[in-house]
Amino acid sequence: MAITKIQSESLNLADTYDFTGTVTGAGGVNTPAFKVKNASDVSLSNATATKLTLDSEIFDTDNAFASDKFTVPSDKAGKYFISLQISLEGQYDVTEMKGMIYKNGSLVNDIQIKLKMDDNIISGGTEMFLNANGILDLSVSDYVEAYVYISSTSGGVYVAKDNKNFFQGYRIIE
């Protein structure tokens, strides 16, 4: 006999129930999912948005990360949590830093972190971390990429440190 309706007045919540049926519509998986990092230092030019070279996959459930970008596979459209962590080491005086996520070649304005200071925020040998993350609606074939922007009073070169930069994301269960 199938149970079609349960009323709370008829259940004794202190009892133990053995369930042998099948539950449908519960649970799910957050795939596709990916996490990548750069295996070596990346040099950054002054006042230029630089695409991060992310050449070391930690995991990529659907083989959807290639050429430094994640592309939504067939039948995997939906809402995605996307996150970027960058580690920068200054060699000259930095006045502005940005960690940015691009969708289909354009900056996603609400998924970027920007630090702007009148004085330098990184000087020689100092390390700084930035994190940018958010939720995006992505369709099949949409792609996301990670960029870094540095501005310096002295126009110096900066380094995004190896093995400390991560770009990651996963589809949200709806």
N, C-alpha and C. Protein backbone atom coordinates (compact mmCIF):
# COMPACT_ATOMS: atom_id res chain seq x y z
N MET A 1 0.84 -1.17 0.00
CA MET A 1 0.00 0.00 0.00
C MET A 1 0.88 1.23 0.00
N ALA A 2 0.62 2.16 -0.88
CA ALA A 2 1.41 3.38 -0.98
C ALA A 2 0.86 4.43 -0.03
N ILE A 3 1.76 5.19 0.56
CA ILE A 3 1.36 6.30 1.41
C ILE A 3 1.20 7.52 0.51
N THR A 4 0.04 8.14 0.55
CA THR A 4 -0.18 9.31 -0.29
C THR A 4 -0.16 10.60 0.50
N LYS A 5 -0.41 10.52 1.80
CA LYS A 5 -0.41 11.74 2.61
C LYS A 5 -0.07 11.38 4.04
N ILE A 6 0.80 12.14 4.65
CA ILE A 6 1.15 11.93 6.05
C ILE A 6 0.75 13.17 6.82
N GLN A 7 0.02 12.96 7.89
CA GLN A 7 -0.36 14.07 8.75
C GLN A 7 0.45 13.98 10.02
N SER A 8 0.98 15.11 10.47
CA SER A 8 1.87 15.10 11.62
C SER A 8 1.21 14.56 12.88
N GLU A 9 -0.14 14.68 13.01
CA GLU A 9 -0.81 14.18 14.21
C GLU A 9 -0.74 12.67 14.31
N SER A 10 -0.54 11.99 13.16
CA SER A 10 -0.56 10.53 13.17
C SER A 10 0.82 9.91 13.30
N LEU A 11 1.89 10.70 13.36
CA LEU A 11 3.24 10.17 13.48
C LEU A 11 3.75 10.32 14.90
N ASN A 12 4.41 9.29 15.37
CA ASN A 12 5.11 9.40 16.64
C ASN A 12 6.58 9.60 16.28
N LEU A 13 7.07 10.82 16.45
CA LEU A 13 8.43 11.14 16.03
C LEU A 13 9.50 10.45 16.86
N ALA A 14 9.11 9.81 17.96
CA ALA A 14 10.07 9.06 18.77
C ALA A 14 10.30 7.66 18.21
N ASP A 15 9.41 7.20 17.34
CA ASP A 15 9.56 5.88 16.72
C ASP A 15 10.69 5.88 15.70
N THR A 16 11.20 4.68 15.40
CA THR A 16 12.18 4.49 14.35
C THR A 16 11.46 3.91 13.15
N TYR A 17 11.70 4.49 11.98
CA TYR A 17 11.04 4.03 10.76
C TYR A 17 12.09 3.49 9.80
N ASP A 18 11.79 2.34 9.22
CA ASP A 18 12.64 1.77 8.17
C ASP A 18 11.98 2.10 6.84
N PHE A 19 12.72 2.76 5.98
CA PHE A 19 12.18 3.13 4.67
C PHE A 19 12.88 2.30 3.61
N THR A 20 12.10 1.63 2.78
CA THR A 20 12.69 0.79 1.75
C THR A 20 12.32 1.24 0.35
N GLY A 21 11.67 2.38 0.22
CA GLY A 21 11.26 2.88 -1.08
C GLY A 21 12.35 3.72 -1.73
N THR A 22 11.99 4.44 -2.77
CA THR A 22 12.90 5.30 -3.50
C THR A 22 12.44 6.74 -3.38
N VAL A 23 13.37 7.63 -3.03
CA VAL A 23 13.08 9.05 -2.97
C VAL A 23 13.54 9.67 -4.27
N THR A 24 12.67 10.41 -4.92
CA THR A 24 13.05 11.09 -6.16
C THR A 24 13.03 12.59 -5.96
N GLY A 25 13.86 13.28 -6.73
CA GLY A 25 13.88 14.74 -6.68
C GLY A 25 14.72 15.31 -5.56
N ALA A 26 15.39 14.47 -4.79
CA ALA A 26 16.22 14.96 -3.68
C ALA A 26 17.70 14.89 -4.08
N GLY A 27 18.49 15.76 -3.49
CA GLY A 27 19.94 15.72 -3.73
C GLY A 27 20.33 16.33 -5.06
N GLY A 28 21.47 15.94 -5.53
CA GLY A 28 21.99 16.45 -6.79
C GLY A 28 23.49 16.62 -6.69
N VAL A 29 24.10 17.00 -7.79
CA VAL A 29 25.54 17.23 -7.80
C VAL A 29 25.83 18.61 -8.35
N ASN A 30 26.90 19.20 -7.87
CA ASN A 30 27.32 20.53 -8.31
C ASN A 30 28.34 20.41 -9.43
N THR A 31 27.95 19.79 -10.53
CA THR A 31 28.85 19.67 -11.67
C THR A 31 28.18 20.29 -12.89
N PRO A 32 28.98 20.78 -13.81
CA PRO A 32 30.44 20.69 -13.83
C PRO A 32 31.08 21.55 -12.75
N ALA A 33 32.28 21.15 -12.40
CA ALA A 33 33.07 21.88 -11.42
C ALA A 33 34.53 21.86 -11.86
N PHE A 34 35.25 22.94 -11.55
CA PHE A 34 36.67 23.00 -11.92
C PHE A 34 37.44 23.81 -10.90
N LYS A 35 38.72 23.51 -10.78
CA LYS A 35 39.65 24.32 -9.98
C LYS A 35 41.01 24.20 -10.66
N VAL A 36 41.58 25.35 -11.00
CA VAL A 36 42.87 25.39 -11.69
C VAL A 36 43.79 26.40 -11.01
N LYS A 37 45.08 26.28 -11.28
CA LYS A 37 46.07 27.20 -10.74
C LYS A 37 47.17 27.39 -11.77
N ASN A 38 48.04 28.37 -11.52
CA ASN A 38 49.19 28.54 -12.40
C ASN A 38 50.39 27.84 -11.76
N ALA A 39 51.15 27.13 -12.57
CA ALA A 39 52.28 26.35 -12.07
C ALA A 39 53.55 27.18 -11.91
N SER A 40 53.59 28.36 -12.52
CA SER A 40 54.77 29.22 -12.40
C SER A 40 54.33 30.67 -12.28
N ASP A 41 55.28 31.54 -11.93
CA ASP A 41 54.97 32.96 -11.80
C ASP A 41 54.51 33.55 -13.13
N VAL A 42 53.64 34.55 -13.05
CA VAL A 42 53.15 35.26 -14.23
C VAL A 42 53.56 36.72 -14.10
N SER A 43 54.29 37.26 -15.06
CA SER A 43 54.66 38.67 -15.05
C SER A 43 53.50 39.50 -15.55
N LEU A 44 53.24 40.62 -14.88
CA LEU A 44 52.14 41.50 -15.24
C LEU A 44 52.68 42.86 -15.65
N SER A 45 52.11 43.41 -16.68
CA SER A 45 52.52 44.74 -17.15
C SER A 45 51.72 45.81 -16.42
N ASN A 46 52.31 47.00 -16.31
CA ASN A 46 51.65 48.12 -15.65
C ASN A 46 50.44 48.60 -16.44
N ALA A 47 49.35 48.90 -15.72
CA ALA A 47 48.14 49.49 -16.28
C ALA A 47 47.56 48.68 -17.44
N THR A 48 47.63 47.36 -17.32
CA THR A 48 47.12 46.47 -18.37
C THR A 48 46.39 45.31 -17.73
N ALA A 49 45.19 45.02 -18.23
CA ALA A 49 44.48 43.82 -17.79
C ALA A 49 45.15 42.62 -18.44
N THR A 50 45.65 41.70 -17.61
CA THR A 50 46.38 40.52 -18.09
C THR A 50 45.58 39.27 -17.77
N LYS A 51 45.34 38.46 -18.80
CA LYS A 51 44.65 37.19 -18.59
C LYS A 51 45.60 36.24 -17.86
N LEU A 52 45.11 35.64 -16.78
CA LEU A 52 45.95 34.72 -16.01
C LEU A 52 46.19 33.43 -16.79
N THR A 53 47.42 32.99 -16.79
CA THR A 53 47.77 31.70 -17.37
C THR A 53 47.55 30.65 -16.28
N LEU A 54 46.56 29.81 -16.47
CA LEU A 54 46.20 28.79 -15.49
C LEU A 54 46.42 27.43 -16.14
N ASP A 55 47.60 26.86 -15.88
CA ASP A 55 48.02 25.70 -16.64
C ASP A 55 48.09 24.41 -15.85
N SER A 56 47.53 24.41 -14.65
CA SER A 56 47.60 23.21 -13.83
C SER A 56 46.21 22.93 -13.23
N GLU A 57 45.55 21.90 -13.74
CA GLU A 57 44.22 21.55 -13.24
C GLU A 57 44.32 20.77 -11.94
N ILE A 58 43.55 21.19 -10.96
CA ILE A 58 43.42 20.44 -9.72
C ILE A 58 42.29 19.43 -9.91
N PHE A 59 41.16 19.88 -10.47
CA PHE A 59 40.12 18.98 -10.95
C PHE A 59 39.29 19.69 -12.01
N ASP A 60 38.66 18.91 -12.86
CA ASP A 60 37.82 19.41 -13.94
C ASP A 60 36.85 18.28 -14.28
N THR A 61 35.69 18.26 -13.64
CA THR A 61 34.78 17.12 -13.71
C THR A 61 34.27 16.81 -15.12
N ASP A 62 34.15 17.82 -15.96
CA ASP A 62 33.57 17.62 -17.30
C ASP A 62 34.55 17.96 -18.42
N ASN A 63 35.84 18.07 -18.09
CA ASN A 63 36.85 18.44 -19.09
C ASN A 63 36.43 19.70 -19.85
N ALA A 64 35.96 20.69 -19.12
CA ALA A 64 35.44 21.92 -19.73
C ALA A 64 36.39 23.10 -19.59
N PHE A 65 37.54 22.88 -18.93
CA PHE A 65 38.53 23.95 -18.79
C PHE A 65 39.67 23.70 -19.76
N ALA A 66 39.92 24.66 -20.64
CA ALA A 66 41.03 24.57 -21.60
C ALA A 66 41.39 25.96 -22.05
N SER A 67 42.64 26.16 -22.45
CA SER A 67 43.12 27.45 -22.96
C SER A 67 42.79 28.59 -22.00
N ASP A 68 43.00 28.35 -20.72
CA ASP A 68 42.82 29.35 -19.66
C ASP A 68 41.39 29.85 -19.51
N LYS A 69 40.39 29.04 -19.90
CA LYS A 69 38.99 29.43 -19.71
C LYS A 69 38.12 28.20 -19.50
N PHE A 70 37.01 28.43 -18.77
CA PHE A 70 36.00 27.40 -18.56
C PHE A 70 34.85 27.67 -19.52
N THR A 71 34.46 26.65 -20.28
CA THR A 71 33.36 26.76 -21.23
C THR A 71 32.24 25.81 -20.80
N VAL A 72 31.01 26.33 -20.72
CA VAL A 72 29.87 25.52 -20.28
C VAL A 72 29.58 24.43 -21.31
N PRO A 73 29.59 23.16 -20.87
CA PRO A 73 29.32 22.05 -21.79
C PRO A 73 27.83 21.96 -22.17
N SER A 74 27.55 21.14 -23.17
CA SER A 74 26.17 20.90 -23.60
C SER A 74 25.33 20.40 -22.42
N ASP A 75 24.10 20.84 -22.36
CA ASP A 75 23.13 20.44 -21.33
C ASP A 75 23.57 20.82 -19.92
N LYS A 76 24.46 21.80 -19.75
CA LYS A 76 24.94 22.19 -18.42
C LYS A 76 24.73 23.67 -18.13
N ALA A 77 23.78 24.30 -18.82
CA ALA A 77 23.47 25.71 -18.56
C ALA A 77 22.88 25.84 -17.15
N GLY A 78 23.03 27.02 -16.55
CA GLY A 78 22.46 27.26 -15.23
C GLY A 78 23.20 28.35 -14.49
N LYS A 79 22.97 28.40 -13.20
CA LYS A 79 23.67 29.36 -12.34
C LYS A 79 24.96 28.71 -11.85
N TYR A 80 26.05 29.49 -11.91
CA TYR A 80 27.36 29.00 -11.51
C TYR A 80 27.97 29.94 -10.46
N PHE A 81 28.59 29.34 -9.46
CA PHE A 81 29.42 30.10 -8.52
C PHE A 81 30.82 30.11 -9.12
N ILE A 82 31.39 31.30 -9.34
CA ILE A 82 32.72 31.45 -9.93
C ILE A 82 33.58 32.24 -8.95
N SER A 83 34.82 31.81 -8.77
CA SER A 83 35.70 32.43 -7.78
C SER A 83 37.13 32.54 -8.31
N LEU A 84 37.79 33.62 -7.93
CA LEU A 84 39.17 33.88 -8.32
C LEU A 84 39.95 34.33 -7.09
N GLN A 85 41.11 33.72 -6.86
CA GLN A 85 42.05 34.18 -5.84
C GLN A 85 43.37 34.45 -6.52
N ILE A 86 43.92 35.64 -6.31
CA ILE A 86 45.23 35.95 -6.87
C ILE A 86 46.17 36.40 -5.78
N SER A 87 47.43 36.04 -5.95
CA SER A 87 48.49 36.45 -5.05
C SER A 87 49.50 37.26 -5.86
N LEU A 88 49.78 38.47 -5.40
CA LEU A 88 50.68 39.36 -6.12
C LEU A 88 51.85 39.75 -5.24
N GLU A 89 53.00 39.85 -5.88
CA GLU A 89 54.20 40.31 -5.18
C GLU A 89 54.70 41.56 -5.87
N GLY A 90 54.83 42.63 -5.13
CA GLY A 90 55.25 43.89 -5.72
C GLY A 90 56.74 44.03 -5.83
N GLN A 91 57.15 44.67 -6.89
CA GLN A 91 58.54 45.03 -7.06
C GLN A 91 58.70 46.54 -7.09
N TYR A 92 57.60 47.24 -7.27
CA TYR A 92 57.57 48.70 -7.29
C TYR A 92 56.28 49.14 -6.59
N ASP A 93 56.05 50.43 -6.49
CA ASP A 93 54.88 50.92 -5.75
C ASP A 93 53.58 50.75 -6.54
N VAL A 94 52.66 49.97 -5.99
CA VAL A 94 51.36 49.71 -6.61
C VAL A 94 50.32 50.63 -5.98
N THR A 95 49.49 51.24 -6.82
CA THR A 95 48.42 52.09 -6.31
C THR A 95 47.03 51.51 -6.60
N GLU A 96 46.95 50.56 -7.51
CA GLU A 96 45.65 49.96 -7.82
C GLU A 96 45.85 48.50 -8.25
N MET A 97 44.98 47.64 -7.73
CA MET A 97 44.98 46.23 -8.10
C MET A 97 43.55 45.80 -8.35
N LYS A 98 43.34 44.92 -9.35
CA LYS A 98 42.01 44.38 -9.61
C LYS A 98 42.12 42.90 -9.93
N GLY A 99 41.23 42.11 -9.38
CA GLY A 99 41.02 40.74 -9.79
C GLY A 99 39.68 40.73 -10.51
N MET A 100 39.65 40.24 -11.75
CA MET A 100 38.44 40.38 -12.58
C MET A 100 38.05 39.07 -13.24
N ILE A 101 36.76 38.86 -13.37
CA ILE A 101 36.23 37.71 -14.10
C ILE A 101 35.53 38.23 -15.34
N TYR A 102 35.89 37.64 -16.46
CA TYR A 102 35.29 37.99 -17.75
C TYR A 102 34.35 36.87 -18.19
N LYS A 103 33.24 37.25 -18.81
CA LYS A 103 32.29 36.31 -19.40
C LYS A 103 32.21 36.62 -20.89
N ASN A 104 32.49 35.62 -21.71
CA ASN A 104 32.44 35.77 -23.17
C ASN A 104 33.25 36.98 -23.65
N GLY A 105 34.40 37.22 -23.02
CA GLY A 105 35.31 38.28 -23.45
C GLY A 105 35.04 39.65 -22.87
N SER A 106 34.01 39.78 -22.01
CA SER A 106 33.68 41.09 -21.42
C SER A 106 33.72 41.01 -19.89
N LEU A 107 34.18 42.08 -19.28
CA LEU A 107 34.25 42.16 -17.83
C LEU A 107 32.87 42.05 -17.22
N VAL A 108 32.75 41.21 -16.21
CA VAL A 108 31.52 41.12 -15.41
C VAL A 108 31.70 42.12 -14.27
N ASN A 109 31.02 43.25 -14.36
CA ASN A 109 31.25 44.34 -13.41
C ASN A 109 31.01 43.98 -11.96
N ASP A 110 30.06 43.08 -11.70
CA ASP A 110 29.79 42.77 -10.31
C ASP A 110 30.64 41.61 -9.78
N ILE A 111 31.57 41.12 -10.57
CA ILE A 111 32.50 40.11 -10.07
C ILE A 111 33.93 40.59 -10.31
N GLN A 112 34.29 41.58 -9.54
CA GLN A 112 35.67 42.05 -9.55
C GLN A 112 35.96 42.66 -8.19
N ILE A 113 37.21 42.63 -7.82
CA ILE A 113 37.65 43.29 -6.59
C ILE A 113 38.66 44.34 -7.00
N LYS A 114 38.52 45.52 -6.44
CA LYS A 114 39.41 46.61 -6.82
C LYS A 114 39.93 47.28 -5.55
N LEU A 115 41.21 47.39 -5.44
CA LEU A 115 41.84 48.14 -4.36
C LEU A 115 42.53 49.35 -4.96
N LYS A 116 42.16 50.52 -4.51
CA LYS A 116 42.78 51.75 -5.02
C LYS A 116 43.21 52.57 -3.81
N MET A 117 44.47 52.98 -3.82
CA MET A 117 45.03 53.73 -2.70
C MET A 117 45.77 54.95 -3.23
N ASP A 118 45.80 56.01 -2.43
CA ASP A 118 46.61 57.17 -2.78
C ASP A 118 48.09 56.85 -2.62
N ASP A 119 48.39 56.05 -1.60
CA ASP A 119 49.77 55.62 -1.38
C ASP A 119 49.92 54.19 -1.89
N ASN A 120 51.16 53.75 -2.01
CA ASN A 120 51.37 52.40 -2.50
C ASN A 120 50.78 51.38 -1.53
N ILE A 121 50.20 50.31 -2.08
CA ILE A 121 49.68 49.24 -1.24
C ILE A 121 50.59 48.02 -1.28
N ILE A 122 51.46 47.97 -2.25
CA ILE A 122 52.47 46.91 -2.28
C ILE A 122 53.80 47.56 -2.63
N SER A 123 54.78 47.30 -1.82
CA SER A 123 56.12 47.75 -2.17
C SER A 123 57.00 46.52 -2.28
N GLY A 124 58.23 46.71 -2.67
CA GLY A 124 59.13 45.60 -2.95
C GLY A 124 59.07 44.46 -1.94
N GLY A 125 58.80 43.23 -2.44
CA GLY A 125 58.81 42.04 -1.61
C GLY A 125 57.54 41.76 -0.83
N THR A 126 56.57 42.67 -0.86
CA THR A 126 55.32 42.47 -0.13
C THR A 126 54.37 41.60 -0.96
N GLU A 127 53.68 40.68 -0.29
CA GLU A 127 52.71 39.83 -0.98
C GLU A 127 51.29 40.21 -0.56
N MET A 128 50.37 40.21 -1.53
CA MET A 128 48.97 40.60 -1.29
C MET A 128 48.06 39.61 -1.97
N PHE A 129 46.94 39.26 -1.31
CA PHE A 129 45.94 38.37 -1.88
C PHE A 129 44.66 39.14 -2.18
N LEU A 130 44.05 38.82 -3.31
CA LEU A 130 42.74 39.37 -3.68
C LEU A 130 41.81 38.21 -4.00
N ASN A 131 40.54 38.36 -3.65
CA ASN A 131 39.53 37.36 -3.98
C ASN A 131 38.35 38.05 -4.63
N ALA A 132 37.85 37.48 -5.71
CA ALA A 132 36.65 37.98 -6.39
C ALA A 132 35.77 36.77 -6.67
N ASN A 133 34.48 36.87 -6.33
CA ASN A 133 33.59 35.76 -6.61
C ASN A 133 32.16 36.24 -6.73
N GLY A 134 31.35 35.42 -7.37
CA GLY A 134 29.96 35.76 -7.56
C GLY A 134 29.22 34.64 -8.29
N ILE A 135 27.96 34.89 -8.55
CA ILE A 135 27.10 33.92 -9.22
C ILE A 135 26.72 34.47 -10.59
N LEU A 136 26.89 33.63 -11.61
CA LEU A 136 26.59 34.02 -12.99
C LEU A 136 25.57 33.06 -13.60
N ASP A 137 24.66 33.59 -14.42
CA ASP A 137 23.82 32.76 -15.27
C ASP A 137 24.64 32.46 -16.52
N LEU A 138 24.89 31.19 -16.78
CA LEU A 138 25.70 30.80 -17.93
C LEU A 138 24.90 29.86 -18.82
N SER A 139 24.96 30.11 -20.11
CA SER A 139 24.32 29.27 -21.12
C SER A 139 25.36 28.34 -21.73
N VAL A 140 24.91 27.32 -22.44
CA VAL A 140 25.81 26.42 -23.13
C VAL A 140 26.72 27.23 -24.05
N SER A 141 28.00 26.95 -24.03
CA SER A 141 29.06 27.60 -24.81
C SER A 141 29.52 28.94 -24.24
N ASP A 142 28.87 29.48 -23.21
CA ASP A 142 29.42 30.66 -22.53
C ASP A 142 30.75 30.25 -21.91
N TYR A 143 31.67 31.23 -21.78
CA TYR A 143 32.95 30.92 -21.14
C TYR A 143 33.34 32.04 -20.17
N VAL A 144 34.14 31.67 -19.17
CA VAL A 144 34.62 32.62 -18.17
C VAL A 144 36.14 32.51 -18.09
N GLU A 145 36.77 33.67 -17.82
CA GLU A 145 38.23 33.78 -17.74
C GLU A 145 38.61 34.67 -16.56
N ALA A 146 39.84 34.53 -16.09
CA ALA A 146 40.35 35.31 -14.97
C ALA A 146 41.40 36.31 -15.45
N TYR A 147 41.26 37.57 -15.00
CA TYR A 147 42.20 38.64 -15.37
C TYR A 147 42.69 39.35 -14.11
N VAL A 148 43.87 39.96 -14.25
CA VAL A 148 44.47 40.77 -13.19
C VAL A 148 44.90 42.10 -13.79
N TYR A 149 44.70 43.18 -13.03
CA TYR A 149 45.12 44.52 -13.46
C TYR A 149 45.95 45.13 -12.34
N ILE A 150 47.08 45.73 -12.70
CA ILE A 150 47.97 46.40 -11.74
C ILE A 150 48.31 47.79 -12.26
N SER A 151 48.28 48.76 -11.36
CA SER A 151 48.74 50.10 -11.71
C SER A 151 49.81 50.51 -10.71
N SER A 152 50.90 51.06 -11.22
CA SER A 152 52.04 51.40 -10.39
C SER A 152 52.51 52.82 -10.67
N THR A 153 52.94 53.50 -9.62
CA THR A 153 53.48 54.85 -9.80
C THR A 153 54.81 54.82 -10.53
N SER A 154 55.52 53.71 -10.43
CA SER A 154 56.83 53.63 -11.09
C SER A 154 56.79 52.79 -12.36
N GLY A 155 55.61 52.26 -12.72
CA GLY A 155 55.49 51.51 -13.96
C GLY A 155 56.20 50.17 -13.94
N GLY A 156 56.42 49.62 -12.76
CA GLY A 156 57.17 48.37 -12.64
C GLY A 156 56.39 47.14 -13.03
N VAL A 157 57.07 46.03 -13.04
CA VAL A 157 56.48 44.73 -13.37
C VAL A 157 56.16 44.00 -12.07
N TYR A 158 55.04 43.33 -12.04
CA TYR A 158 54.61 42.59 -10.86
C TYR A 158 54.48 41.13 -11.20
N VAL A 159 54.46 40.31 -10.19
CA VAL A 159 54.41 38.88 -10.40
C VAL A 159 53.20 38.30 -9.67
N ALA A 160 52.37 37.57 -10.41
CA ALA A 160 51.31 36.78 -9.79
C ALA A 160 51.98 35.45 -9.40
N LYS A 161 52.05 35.17 -8.13
CA LYS A 161 52.86 34.06 -7.62
C LYS A 161 52.32 32.69 -8.03
N ASP A 162 53.26 31.79 -8.33
CA ASP A 162 52.88 30.43 -8.72
C ASP A 162 52.24 29.67 -7.56
N ASN A 163 51.34 28.78 -7.90
CA ASN A 163 50.66 27.89 -6.96
C ASN A 163 49.85 28.60 -5.88
N LYS A 164 49.64 29.90 -6.02
CA LYS A 164 48.81 30.63 -5.06
C LYS A 164 47.63 31.31 -5.73
N ASN A 165 47.51 31.15 -7.04
CA ASN A 165 46.39 31.73 -7.78
C ASN A 165 45.44 30.61 -8.16
N PHE A 166 44.16 30.80 -7.82
CA PHE A 166 43.17 29.77 -8.11
C PHE A 166 41.98 30.39 -8.83
N PHE A 167 41.48 29.68 -9.82
CA PHE A 167 40.26 30.04 -10.53
C PHE A 167 39.39 28.80 -10.46
N GLN A 168 38.17 28.97 -9.98
CA GLN A 168 37.34 27.80 -9.73
C GLN A 168 35.87 28.14 -9.89
N GLY A 169 35.07 27.10 -10.06
CA GLY A 169 33.64 27.31 -10.17
C GLY A 169 32.88 25.99 -10.21
N TYR A 170 31.57 26.10 -10.00
CA TYR A 170 30.70 24.92 -10.07
C TYR A 170 29.28 25.37 -10.35
N ARG A 171 28.51 24.46 -10.95
CA ARG A 171 27.10 24.75 -11.21
C ARG A 171 26.32 24.55 -9.92
N ILE A 172 25.41 25.47 -9.65
CA ILE A 172 24.59 25.44 -8.44
C ILE A 172 23.37 24.57 -8.69
N ILE A 173 23.05 23.71 -7.74
CA ILE A 173 21.83 22.91 -7.83
C ILE A 173 20.64 23.83 -7.64
N GLU A 174 19.71 23.79 -8.58
CA GLU A 174 18.51 24.64 -8.48
C GLU A 174 17.29 23.80 -8.20
